[in-house]
Amino acid sequence: MAGAWDEAAATFDHSADHGLSDPDVRSAWAELLADALPDPPSRVADLGCDTGSLAWLAAELGHSVDGVDFSEQMLAVARTKARASGEVRFVAGDAAAPPLPLGTFDVVLCRHVLWALPDPEAAVRAWAKLLRPSGRVVLIEGFWSTGAGMPSRETVALLQRQRFEPRVQVLGDSRYWGGPITDERYVVTARLRAAG
C-alpha cells in the first residue's frame, strides 16, 4: 500500500489543501490549527502526515511536531519542507500503531487518515495511549461524494466509545480546499474523559 503513496508523493502537493501553497488556503489552515491546538509550545504527533504540510504549519505556530507516515517518498518531501520550519521530526511508521513514546504528546493530529485504516477503533485506542492526561485528538476527516470517508456521526460515535468527548466543526468554507465543495468535511477535536 505504501507503494501507491510513494508514487503520489511527487504531485501530492499540487492539490491546494495538500501543499498549502495558496496564501488564502494556508491562512485558513493556520487559523484552524491555532484554534484546535493548545497554546504553544505543545508536543504534536501528526500521524499519516503525508508531505508534512500540517506538521510544518504547526511548527510555525510554535509547536514541537513528530510526523509519522509509512511512505518514504512522502517523508522525503516532508523533510525538505521541514528544514525551514522549526522543530519537526519525521519517522517512518504505521499511523495506526505509531512508533512514538507513550504518554508524551499533547495532541494527536490526523488529516484524512482514520477512515482509511483497517481498524479505526484500535487506532484511536493506540492514539489515546500517546496522550498526556490533558491531551486531545484533532481529526480532520470527510465523507466524500465517491462514498469514501467517514461521516462525522460515525467519527463522533467511535470517539465516544473510546471515552473521548468530541466536538465537531464543519469545514465547508472553500478557503480550506481552494474551491467550493459539495461533500461533508469536518474537524473533530476531542479530549479523553476522566476515568471513573
N, C-alpha and C. Protein backbone atom coordinates (compact mmCIF):
# COMPACT_ATOMS: atom_id res chain seq x y z
N MET A 1 0.82 -1.21 0.00
CA MET A 1 0.00 0.00 0.00
C MET A 1 0.86 1.27 0.00
N ALA A 2 2.02 1.23 0.67
CA ALA A 2 2.90 2.40 0.69
C ALA A 2 3.35 2.75 -0.72
N GLY A 3 3.42 1.74 -1.61
CA GLY A 3 3.87 1.99 -2.98
C GLY A 3 3.02 3.01 -3.70
N ALA A 4 1.70 2.93 -3.55
CA ALA A 4 0.81 3.90 -4.21
C ALA A 4 1.05 5.30 -3.68
N TRP A 5 1.28 5.41 -2.38
CA TRP A 5 1.55 6.73 -1.79
C TRP A 5 2.93 7.24 -2.19
N ASP A 6 3.90 6.34 -2.30
CA ASP A 6 5.22 6.73 -2.80
C ASP A 6 5.10 7.34 -4.19
N GLU A 7 4.29 6.69 -5.04
CA GLU A 7 4.10 7.20 -6.40
C GLU A 7 3.41 8.56 -6.42
N ALA A 8 2.52 8.79 -5.47
CA ALA A 8 1.76 10.05 -5.43
C ALA A 8 2.56 11.20 -4.85
N ALA A 9 3.68 10.92 -4.19
CA ALA A 9 4.39 11.95 -3.43
C ALA A 9 4.82 13.14 -4.29
N ALA A 10 5.28 12.88 -5.51
CA ALA A 10 5.81 13.96 -6.36
C ALA A 10 4.75 15.00 -6.72
N THR A 11 3.49 14.59 -6.80
CA THR A 11 2.43 15.52 -7.20
C THR A 11 1.40 15.78 -6.10
N PHE A 12 1.59 15.17 -4.95
CA PHE A 12 0.61 15.26 -3.87
C PHE A 12 0.31 16.71 -3.49
N ASP A 13 1.33 17.54 -3.44
CA ASP A 13 1.15 18.92 -3.01
C ASP A 13 0.54 19.83 -4.07
N HIS A 14 0.26 19.31 -5.26
CA HIS A 14 -0.40 20.14 -6.28
C HIS A 14 -1.82 20.50 -5.87
N SER A 15 -2.45 19.66 -5.05
CA SER A 15 -3.78 19.96 -4.54
C SER A 15 -3.66 21.10 -3.50
N ALA A 16 -4.55 22.07 -3.61
CA ALA A 16 -4.45 23.27 -2.77
C ALA A 16 -4.44 22.95 -1.28
N ASP A 17 -5.26 21.97 -0.86
CA ASP A 17 -5.34 21.66 0.57
C ASP A 17 -4.22 20.74 1.03
N HIS A 18 -3.45 20.17 0.11
CA HIS A 18 -2.30 19.35 0.49
C HIS A 18 -1.03 20.19 0.61
N GLY A 19 -0.74 20.96 -0.44
CA GLY A 19 0.51 21.72 -0.46
C GLY A 19 0.45 23.02 0.32
N LEU A 20 -0.75 23.57 0.49
CA LEU A 20 -0.96 24.83 1.21
C LEU A 20 -0.11 25.97 0.64
N SER A 21 0.11 25.95 -0.67
CA SER A 21 0.93 27.00 -1.28
C SER A 21 0.12 28.27 -1.58
N ASP A 22 -1.19 28.14 -1.73
CA ASP A 22 -2.04 29.31 -1.92
C ASP A 22 -2.16 30.06 -0.59
N PRO A 23 -1.84 31.34 -0.55
CA PRO A 23 -1.84 32.07 0.73
C PRO A 23 -3.18 32.04 1.46
N ASP A 24 -4.30 32.10 0.73
CA ASP A 24 -5.61 32.07 1.40
C ASP A 24 -5.88 30.70 2.02
N VAL A 25 -5.55 29.64 1.30
CA VAL A 25 -5.74 28.28 1.82
C VAL A 25 -4.84 28.08 3.04
N ARG A 26 -3.60 28.48 2.90
CA ARG A 26 -2.64 28.33 4.01
C ARG A 26 -3.09 29.08 5.25
N SER A 27 -3.59 30.28 5.05
CA SER A 27 -4.07 31.10 6.16
C SER A 27 -5.27 30.44 6.84
N ALA A 28 -6.18 29.85 6.06
CA ALA A 28 -7.34 29.18 6.64
C ALA A 28 -6.90 28.01 7.51
N TRP A 29 -5.94 27.20 7.03
CA TRP A 29 -5.46 26.07 7.82
C TRP A 29 -4.68 26.52 9.05
N ALA A 30 -3.94 27.62 8.93
CA ALA A 30 -3.22 28.15 10.10
C ALA A 30 -4.20 28.58 11.17
N GLU A 31 -5.29 29.23 10.77
CA GLU A 31 -6.31 29.65 11.73
C GLU A 31 -6.98 28.44 12.38
N LEU A 32 -7.28 27.41 11.57
CA LEU A 32 -7.90 26.21 12.11
C LEU A 32 -7.00 25.55 13.14
N LEU A 33 -5.71 25.40 12.81
CA LEU A 33 -4.78 24.78 13.76
C LEU A 33 -4.60 25.63 15.01
N ALA A 34 -4.52 26.94 14.84
CA ALA A 34 -4.36 27.81 16.01
C ALA A 34 -5.53 27.65 16.97
N ASP A 35 -6.74 27.43 16.44
CA ASP A 35 -7.93 27.23 17.29
C ASP A 35 -7.98 25.82 17.88
N ALA A 36 -7.56 24.82 17.11
CA ALA A 36 -7.72 23.42 17.53
C ALA A 36 -6.61 22.94 18.47
N LEU A 37 -5.42 23.51 18.33
CA LEU A 37 -4.29 23.07 19.15
C LEU A 37 -4.21 23.88 20.43
N PRO A 38 -3.58 23.34 21.47
CA PRO A 38 -3.39 24.12 22.69
C PRO A 38 -2.43 25.28 22.42
N ASP A 39 -2.33 26.17 23.40
CA ASP A 39 -1.36 27.26 23.25
C ASP A 39 0.04 26.68 23.12
N PRO A 40 0.86 27.24 22.23
CA PRO A 40 2.23 26.74 22.10
C PRO A 40 3.07 27.16 23.30
N PRO A 41 4.12 26.41 23.57
CA PRO A 41 4.53 25.22 22.84
C PRO A 41 3.82 23.99 23.37
N SER A 42 3.45 23.09 22.48
CA SER A 42 2.94 21.79 22.88
C SER A 42 3.58 20.76 21.98
N ARG A 43 3.41 19.50 22.34
CA ARG A 43 4.00 18.42 21.54
C ARG A 43 2.89 17.76 20.74
N VAL A 44 3.07 17.72 19.41
CA VAL A 44 2.05 17.26 18.48
C VAL A 44 2.57 16.05 17.72
N ALA A 45 1.76 14.99 17.64
CA ALA A 45 2.03 13.84 16.78
C ALA A 45 1.12 13.96 15.57
N ASP A 46 1.71 14.19 14.40
CA ASP A 46 0.96 14.28 13.15
C ASP A 46 1.06 12.91 12.48
N LEU A 47 -0.01 12.12 12.57
CA LEU A 47 0.00 10.74 12.12
C LEU A 47 -0.61 10.60 10.73
N GLY A 48 0.10 9.91 9.85
CA GLY A 48 -0.29 9.89 8.44
C GLY A 48 -0.03 11.25 7.84
N CYS A 49 1.16 11.77 8.11
CA CYS A 49 1.46 13.19 7.84
C CYS A 49 1.67 13.51 6.36
N ASP A 50 1.72 12.51 5.50
CA ASP A 50 1.94 12.73 4.06
C ASP A 50 3.20 13.58 3.84
N THR A 51 3.06 14.70 3.13
CA THR A 51 4.21 15.55 2.82
C THR A 51 4.49 16.59 3.91
N GLY A 52 3.84 16.46 5.03
CA GLY A 52 4.18 17.27 6.20
C GLY A 52 3.64 18.69 6.22
N SER A 53 2.65 19.00 5.39
CA SER A 53 2.16 20.39 5.35
C SER A 53 1.59 20.84 6.69
N LEU A 54 0.77 20.00 7.34
CA LEU A 54 0.21 20.40 8.63
C LEU A 54 1.27 20.38 9.72
N ALA A 55 2.21 19.44 9.66
CA ALA A 55 3.31 19.41 10.63
C ALA A 55 4.12 20.70 10.53
N TRP A 56 4.40 21.09 9.32
CA TRP A 56 5.15 22.31 9.05
C TRP A 56 4.40 23.52 9.62
N LEU A 57 3.11 23.59 9.36
CA LEU A 57 2.30 24.71 9.84
C LEU A 57 2.24 24.74 11.36
N ALA A 58 2.05 23.58 11.99
CA ALA A 58 2.01 23.52 13.46
C ALA A 58 3.34 23.97 14.06
N ALA A 59 4.45 23.60 13.43
CA ALA A 59 5.76 24.03 13.92
C ALA A 59 5.90 25.54 13.80
N GLU A 60 5.41 26.10 12.73
CA GLU A 60 5.47 27.57 12.57
C GLU A 60 4.63 28.28 13.62
N LEU A 61 3.61 27.60 14.13
CA LEU A 61 2.79 28.18 15.20
C LEU A 61 3.45 28.01 16.58
N GLY A 62 4.62 27.35 16.63
CA GLY A 62 5.37 27.25 17.87
C GLY A 62 5.33 25.90 18.55
N HIS A 63 4.80 24.88 17.87
CA HIS A 63 4.69 23.55 18.46
C HIS A 63 5.86 22.67 18.04
N SER A 64 6.15 21.67 18.86
CA SER A 64 7.14 20.65 18.54
C SER A 64 6.38 19.47 17.93
N VAL A 65 6.78 19.04 16.74
CA VAL A 65 5.97 18.10 15.97
C VAL A 65 6.77 16.86 15.59
N ASP A 66 6.14 15.70 15.77
CA ASP A 66 6.64 14.43 15.26
C ASP A 66 5.67 13.96 14.19
N GLY A 67 6.15 13.80 12.97
CA GLY A 67 5.32 13.31 11.88
C GLY A 67 5.61 11.85 11.60
N VAL A 68 4.56 11.07 11.35
CA VAL A 68 4.69 9.64 11.06
C VAL A 68 3.95 9.36 9.76
N ASP A 69 4.62 8.63 8.85
CA ASP A 69 3.96 8.17 7.64
C ASP A 69 4.66 6.91 7.17
N PHE A 70 3.93 6.03 6.47
CA PHE A 70 4.57 4.80 6.01
C PHE A 70 5.18 4.93 4.62
N SER A 71 5.00 6.08 3.97
CA SER A 71 5.57 6.30 2.64
C SER A 71 6.89 7.06 2.77
N GLU A 72 7.98 6.41 2.39
CA GLU A 72 9.30 7.05 2.45
C GLU A 72 9.38 8.25 1.51
N GLN A 73 8.68 8.17 0.37
CA GLN A 73 8.72 9.29 -0.58
C GLN A 73 7.96 10.50 -0.03
N MET A 74 6.82 10.26 0.61
CA MET A 74 6.11 11.37 1.26
C MET A 74 7.00 12.00 2.33
N LEU A 75 7.68 11.16 3.12
CA LEU A 75 8.56 11.68 4.17
C LEU A 75 9.74 12.45 3.60
N ALA A 76 10.23 12.05 2.45
CA ALA A 76 11.33 12.79 1.81
C ALA A 76 10.90 14.22 1.48
N VAL A 77 9.68 14.35 0.95
CA VAL A 77 9.15 15.69 0.66
C VAL A 77 8.94 16.46 1.97
N ALA A 78 8.41 15.79 2.98
CA ALA A 78 8.15 16.42 4.27
C ALA A 78 9.45 16.94 4.90
N ARG A 79 10.49 16.13 4.84
CA ARG A 79 11.78 16.55 5.43
C ARG A 79 12.35 17.76 4.71
N THR A 80 12.16 17.84 3.41
CA THR A 80 12.63 19.00 2.66
C THR A 80 11.91 20.27 3.12
N LYS A 81 10.59 20.18 3.30
CA LYS A 81 9.82 21.32 3.78
C LYS A 81 10.22 21.73 5.19
N ALA A 82 10.49 20.74 6.03
CA ALA A 82 10.71 21.00 7.45
C ALA A 82 12.02 21.70 7.74
N ARG A 83 12.94 21.69 6.81
CA ARG A 83 14.24 22.33 7.05
C ARG A 83 14.10 23.80 7.42
N ALA A 84 13.05 24.42 6.93
CA ALA A 84 12.88 25.85 7.17
C ALA A 84 11.84 26.17 8.22
N SER A 85 11.34 25.16 8.95
CA SER A 85 10.12 25.44 9.72
C SER A 85 10.18 25.15 11.21
N GLY A 86 11.34 25.09 11.80
CA GLY A 86 11.35 24.90 13.24
C GLY A 86 11.47 23.44 13.63
N GLU A 87 10.90 23.10 14.77
CA GLU A 87 11.14 21.80 15.38
C GLU A 87 10.15 20.75 14.87
N VAL A 88 10.57 20.02 13.83
CA VAL A 88 9.77 18.94 13.27
C VAL A 88 10.69 17.74 13.04
N ARG A 89 10.22 16.56 13.46
CA ARG A 89 10.93 15.31 13.22
C ARG A 89 9.99 14.38 12.48
N PHE A 90 10.53 13.60 11.56
CA PHE A 90 9.71 12.66 10.80
C PHE A 90 10.27 11.26 10.95
N VAL A 91 9.37 10.29 11.07
CA VAL A 91 9.76 8.89 11.22
C VAL A 91 8.83 8.02 10.38
N ALA A 92 9.40 7.00 9.76
CA ALA A 92 8.58 6.05 9.00
C ALA A 92 7.86 5.13 9.97
N GLY A 93 6.58 4.90 9.72
CA GLY A 93 5.82 4.02 10.58
C GLY A 93 4.35 4.02 10.22
N ASP A 94 3.63 3.14 10.89
CA ASP A 94 2.19 2.96 10.68
C ASP A 94 1.43 3.97 11.54
N ALA A 95 0.58 4.77 10.92
CA ALA A 95 -0.22 5.74 11.67
C ALA A 95 -1.12 5.08 12.70
N ALA A 96 -1.53 3.83 12.46
CA ALA A 96 -2.41 3.14 13.39
C ALA A 96 -1.68 2.62 14.62
N ALA A 97 -0.37 2.45 14.51
CA ALA A 97 0.46 1.98 15.63
C ALA A 97 1.78 2.74 15.59
N PRO A 98 1.72 4.04 15.87
CA PRO A 98 2.89 4.89 15.65
C PRO A 98 4.07 4.55 16.55
N PRO A 99 5.28 4.59 16.02
CA PRO A 99 6.48 4.29 16.79
C PRO A 99 6.95 5.51 17.59
N LEU A 100 6.11 5.95 18.49
CA LEU A 100 6.37 7.16 19.28
C LEU A 100 6.23 6.84 20.76
N PRO A 101 6.88 7.60 21.63
CA PRO A 101 6.80 7.32 23.07
C PRO A 101 5.41 7.59 23.64
N LEU A 102 4.93 6.67 24.44
CA LEU A 102 3.59 6.78 25.02
C LEU A 102 3.53 7.85 26.09
N GLY A 103 2.37 8.48 26.21
CA GLY A 103 2.11 9.43 27.29
C GLY A 103 2.91 10.71 27.23
N THR A 104 3.37 11.09 26.04
CA THR A 104 4.25 12.27 25.94
C THR A 104 3.71 13.37 25.03
N PHE A 105 2.53 13.18 24.44
CA PHE A 105 2.02 14.15 23.47
C PHE A 105 0.81 14.90 24.02
N ASP A 106 0.72 16.16 23.64
CA ASP A 106 -0.45 16.98 23.97
C ASP A 106 -1.54 16.82 22.94
N VAL A 107 -1.15 16.48 21.70
CA VAL A 107 -2.11 16.39 20.59
C VAL A 107 -1.73 15.23 19.67
N VAL A 108 -2.74 14.49 19.25
CA VAL A 108 -2.62 13.60 18.09
C VAL A 108 -3.44 14.26 16.98
N LEU A 109 -2.76 14.59 15.90
CA LEU A 109 -3.35 15.28 14.76
C LEU A 109 -3.35 14.33 13.56
N CYS A 110 -4.49 14.18 12.91
CA CYS A 110 -4.59 13.35 11.70
C CYS A 110 -5.50 14.03 10.70
N ARG A 111 -5.08 13.99 9.44
CA ARG A 111 -5.95 14.52 8.39
C ARG A 111 -6.20 13.44 7.35
N HIS A 112 -7.47 13.07 7.19
CA HIS A 112 -7.92 12.11 6.20
C HIS A 112 -7.19 10.78 6.35
N VAL A 113 -7.13 10.30 7.60
CA VAL A 113 -6.43 9.06 7.91
C VAL A 113 -7.38 8.03 8.51
N LEU A 114 -8.17 8.44 9.49
CA LEU A 114 -8.98 7.50 10.26
C LEU A 114 -9.84 6.61 9.37
N TRP A 115 -10.51 7.20 8.40
CA TRP A 115 -11.45 6.46 7.55
C TRP A 115 -10.75 5.37 6.74
N ALA A 116 -9.45 5.55 6.45
CA ALA A 116 -8.73 4.63 5.58
C ALA A 116 -8.07 3.47 6.32
N LEU A 117 -8.14 3.47 7.64
CA LEU A 117 -7.48 2.43 8.43
C LEU A 117 -8.34 1.17 8.50
N PRO A 118 -7.71 -0.01 8.54
CA PRO A 118 -8.49 -1.25 8.61
C PRO A 118 -9.28 -1.40 9.91
N ASP A 119 -8.77 -0.83 11.01
CA ASP A 119 -9.45 -0.92 12.30
C ASP A 119 -9.37 0.43 13.00
N PRO A 120 -10.26 1.36 12.62
CA PRO A 120 -10.20 2.71 13.20
C PRO A 120 -10.29 2.72 14.72
N GLU A 121 -11.10 1.84 15.28
CA GLU A 121 -11.28 1.82 16.74
C GLU A 121 -9.97 1.47 17.45
N ALA A 122 -9.26 0.47 16.93
CA ALA A 122 -7.97 0.10 17.51
C ALA A 122 -6.96 1.24 17.38
N ALA A 123 -7.02 1.95 16.27
CA ALA A 123 -6.12 3.09 16.08
C ALA A 123 -6.38 4.18 17.12
N VAL A 124 -7.65 4.49 17.35
CA VAL A 124 -7.97 5.51 18.35
C VAL A 124 -7.51 5.09 19.74
N ARG A 125 -7.64 3.81 20.06
CA ARG A 125 -7.12 3.31 21.35
C ARG A 125 -5.61 3.52 21.44
N ALA A 126 -4.90 3.24 20.35
CA ALA A 126 -3.44 3.43 20.32
C ALA A 126 -3.09 4.91 20.45
N TRP A 127 -3.86 5.75 19.79
CA TRP A 127 -3.59 7.19 19.85
C TRP A 127 -3.82 7.73 21.25
N ALA A 128 -4.83 7.25 21.93
CA ALA A 128 -5.10 7.70 23.30
C ALA A 128 -3.90 7.43 24.20
N LYS A 129 -3.20 6.33 23.95
CA LYS A 129 -2.04 5.99 24.78
C LYS A 129 -0.85 6.92 24.55
N LEU A 130 -0.84 7.62 23.43
CA LEU A 130 0.23 8.58 23.16
C LEU A 130 0.06 9.87 23.98
N LEU A 131 -1.18 10.12 24.42
CA LEU A 131 -1.51 11.42 25.01
C LEU A 131 -1.15 11.52 26.48
N ARG A 132 -0.78 12.73 26.87
CA ARG A 132 -0.70 13.08 28.28
C ARG A 132 -2.15 13.15 28.80
N PRO A 133 -2.33 13.16 30.13
CA PRO A 133 -3.70 13.18 30.67
C PRO A 133 -4.56 14.34 30.16
N SER A 134 -3.97 15.47 29.86
CA SER A 134 -4.75 16.61 29.39
C SER A 134 -4.79 16.70 27.86
N GLY A 135 -4.35 15.65 27.18
CA GLY A 135 -4.21 15.71 25.73
C GLY A 135 -5.52 15.61 24.97
N ARG A 136 -5.41 15.80 23.66
CA ARG A 136 -6.57 15.78 22.78
C ARG A 136 -6.22 15.18 21.42
N VAL A 137 -7.23 14.71 20.72
CA VAL A 137 -7.07 14.35 19.32
C VAL A 137 -7.74 15.42 18.47
N VAL A 138 -7.14 15.68 17.32
CA VAL A 138 -7.70 16.60 16.34
C VAL A 138 -7.74 15.82 15.02
N LEU A 139 -8.95 15.44 14.61
CA LEU A 139 -9.13 14.58 13.44
C LEU A 139 -9.86 15.36 12.36
N ILE A 140 -9.18 15.56 11.25
CA ILE A 140 -9.77 16.23 10.09
C ILE A 140 -10.18 15.13 9.12
N GLU A 141 -11.48 15.00 8.90
CA GLU A 141 -12.00 13.88 8.12
C GLU A 141 -13.07 14.37 7.15
N GLY A 142 -13.62 13.45 6.42
CA GLY A 142 -14.67 13.80 5.47
C GLY A 142 -15.42 12.57 5.01
N PHE A 143 -16.54 12.82 4.37
CA PHE A 143 -17.32 11.78 3.72
C PHE A 143 -17.60 12.30 2.32
N TRP A 144 -16.87 11.74 1.34
CA TRP A 144 -16.84 12.31 0.01
C TRP A 144 -17.95 11.77 -0.88
N SER A 145 -18.20 12.50 -1.94
CA SER A 145 -19.28 12.12 -2.88
C SER A 145 -19.00 10.78 -3.54
N THR A 146 -17.77 10.30 -3.51
CA THR A 146 -17.41 8.99 -4.08
C THR A 146 -17.86 7.84 -3.18
N GLY A 147 -18.27 8.17 -1.94
CA GLY A 147 -18.62 7.14 -0.97
C GLY A 147 -17.48 6.80 -0.03
N ALA A 148 -16.30 7.30 -0.31
CA ALA A 148 -15.16 7.10 0.58
C ALA A 148 -15.28 8.05 1.77
N GLY A 149 -14.59 7.69 2.84
CA GLY A 149 -14.56 8.55 4.01
C GLY A 149 -15.44 8.04 5.13
N MET A 150 -15.68 8.92 6.09
CA MET A 150 -16.45 8.54 7.28
C MET A 150 -17.32 9.74 7.69
N PRO A 151 -18.63 9.57 7.74
CA PRO A 151 -19.49 10.67 8.18
C PRO A 151 -19.13 11.11 9.60
N SER A 152 -19.35 12.35 9.90
CA SER A 152 -19.00 12.89 11.22
C SER A 152 -19.70 12.14 12.34
N ARG A 153 -20.94 11.70 12.13
CA ARG A 153 -21.67 10.99 13.19
C ARG A 153 -20.95 9.69 13.56
N GLU A 154 -20.34 9.02 12.57
CA GLU A 154 -19.60 7.79 12.85
C GLU A 154 -18.30 8.07 13.61
N THR A 155 -17.63 9.13 13.23
CA THR A 155 -16.40 9.51 13.92
C THR A 155 -16.71 9.87 15.37
N VAL A 156 -17.76 10.63 15.58
CA VAL A 156 -18.16 11.02 16.93
C VAL A 156 -18.49 9.78 17.76
N ALA A 157 -19.28 8.87 17.20
CA ALA A 157 -19.66 7.66 17.93
C ALA A 157 -18.43 6.82 18.29
N LEU A 158 -17.52 6.68 17.36
CA LEU A 158 -16.28 5.93 17.62
C LEU A 158 -15.49 6.55 18.77
N LEU A 159 -15.33 7.85 18.73
CA LEU A 159 -14.59 8.54 19.79
C LEU A 159 -15.28 8.42 21.15
N GLN A 160 -16.60 8.52 21.14
CA GLN A 160 -17.34 8.39 22.40
C GLN A 160 -17.18 6.99 23.00
N ARG A 161 -17.13 5.97 22.17
CA ARG A 161 -16.91 4.61 22.67
C ARG A 161 -15.53 4.45 23.31
N GLN A 162 -14.60 5.31 22.94
CA GLN A 162 -13.24 5.25 23.48
C GLN A 162 -13.01 6.31 24.56
N ARG A 163 -14.11 6.78 25.17
CA ARG A 163 -14.07 7.72 26.30
C ARG A 163 -13.58 9.12 25.93
N PHE A 164 -13.74 9.49 24.68
CA PHE A 164 -13.43 10.86 24.27
C PHE A 164 -14.70 11.70 24.29
N GLU A 165 -14.52 12.99 24.47
CA GLU A 165 -15.62 13.95 24.41
C GLU A 165 -15.44 14.81 23.15
N PRO A 166 -16.07 14.41 22.03
CA PRO A 166 -15.81 15.09 20.76
C PRO A 166 -16.66 16.34 20.53
N ARG A 167 -16.06 17.25 19.79
CA ARG A 167 -16.73 18.47 19.33
C ARG A 167 -16.46 18.60 17.84
N VAL A 168 -17.51 18.76 17.03
CA VAL A 168 -17.39 18.79 15.57
C VAL A 168 -17.49 20.22 15.06
N GLN A 169 -16.63 20.54 14.10
CA GLN A 169 -16.73 21.80 13.37
C GLN A 169 -16.76 21.46 11.88
N VAL A 170 -17.78 21.93 11.18
CA VAL A 170 -17.90 21.70 9.74
C VAL A 170 -16.88 22.57 9.01
N LEU A 171 -16.21 21.98 8.02
CA LEU A 171 -15.21 22.71 7.23
C LEU A 171 -15.72 22.91 5.81
N GLY A 172 -16.84 23.58 5.70
CA GLY A 172 -17.45 23.79 4.39
C GLY A 172 -16.92 24.98 3.63
N ASP A 173 -16.17 25.86 4.29
CA ASP A 173 -15.63 27.06 3.67
C ASP A 173 -14.64 26.68 2.57
N SER A 174 -14.82 27.22 1.39
CA SER A 174 -13.96 26.89 0.25
C SER A 174 -12.51 27.30 0.48
N ARG A 175 -12.25 28.20 1.43
CA ARG A 175 -10.87 28.61 1.69
C ARG A 175 -9.99 27.45 2.13
N TYR A 176 -10.56 26.43 2.78
CA TYR A 176 -9.76 25.27 3.19
C TYR A 176 -9.33 24.41 2.02
N TRP A 177 -10.11 24.45 0.95
CA TRP A 177 -9.95 23.46 -0.12
C TRP A 177 -9.51 24.05 -1.44
N GLY A 178 -9.46 25.37 -1.53
CA GLY A 178 -9.07 26.01 -2.78
C GLY A 178 -10.21 26.11 -3.78
N GLY A 179 -11.43 25.85 -3.34
CA GLY A 179 -12.61 25.92 -4.20
C GLY A 179 -13.80 25.35 -3.48
N PRO A 180 -14.99 25.50 -4.06
CA PRO A 180 -16.20 25.00 -3.40
C PRO A 180 -16.21 23.48 -3.32
N ILE A 181 -16.89 22.96 -2.29
CA ILE A 181 -17.04 21.53 -2.12
C ILE A 181 -18.52 21.19 -1.97
N THR A 182 -18.86 19.95 -2.21
CA THR A 182 -20.26 19.52 -2.08
C THR A 182 -20.40 18.35 -1.11
N ASP A 183 -19.29 17.90 -0.55
CA ASP A 183 -19.35 16.76 0.36
C ASP A 183 -19.13 17.20 1.80
N GLU A 184 -19.18 16.25 2.72
CA GLU A 184 -19.04 16.58 4.15
C GLU A 184 -17.57 16.57 4.55
N ARG A 185 -17.08 17.67 5.04
CA ARG A 185 -15.71 17.76 5.56
C ARG A 185 -15.77 18.46 6.91
N TYR A 186 -14.96 17.97 7.83
CA TYR A 186 -15.10 18.44 9.22
C TYR A 186 -13.83 18.18 10.00
N VAL A 187 -13.74 18.82 11.15
CA VAL A 187 -12.69 18.53 12.12
C VAL A 187 -13.38 18.18 13.43
N VAL A 188 -12.87 17.14 14.09
CA VAL A 188 -13.35 16.76 15.41
C VAL A 188 -12.20 16.96 16.39
N THR A 189 -12.45 17.73 17.41
CA THR A 189 -11.49 17.91 18.50
C THR A 189 -12.08 17.19 19.71
N ALA A 190 -11.27 16.35 20.36
CA ALA A 190 -11.82 15.53 21.44
C ALA A 190 -10.77 15.31 22.54
N ARG A 191 -11.21 15.46 23.77
CA ARG A 191 -10.39 15.15 24.94
C ARG A 191 -10.89 13.87 25.58
N LEU A 192 -9.99 13.16 26.26
CA LEU A 192 -10.41 11.97 26.99
C LEU A 192 -11.19 12.36 28.24
N ARG A 193 -12.27 11.63 28.51
CA ARG A 193 -12.99 11.81 29.76
C ARG A 193 -12.17 11.25 30.90
N ALA A 194 -12.26 11.84 32.05
CA ALA A 194 -11.58 11.32 33.22
C ALA A 194 -12.14 9.95 33.56
N ALA A 195 -11.28 9.04 33.98
CA ALA A 195 -11.74 7.70 34.38
C ALA A 195 -12.59 7.80 35.64
N GLY A 196 -13.55 6.87 35.74
CA GLY A 196 -14.38 6.85 36.96
C GLY A 196 -15.84 6.93 36.69
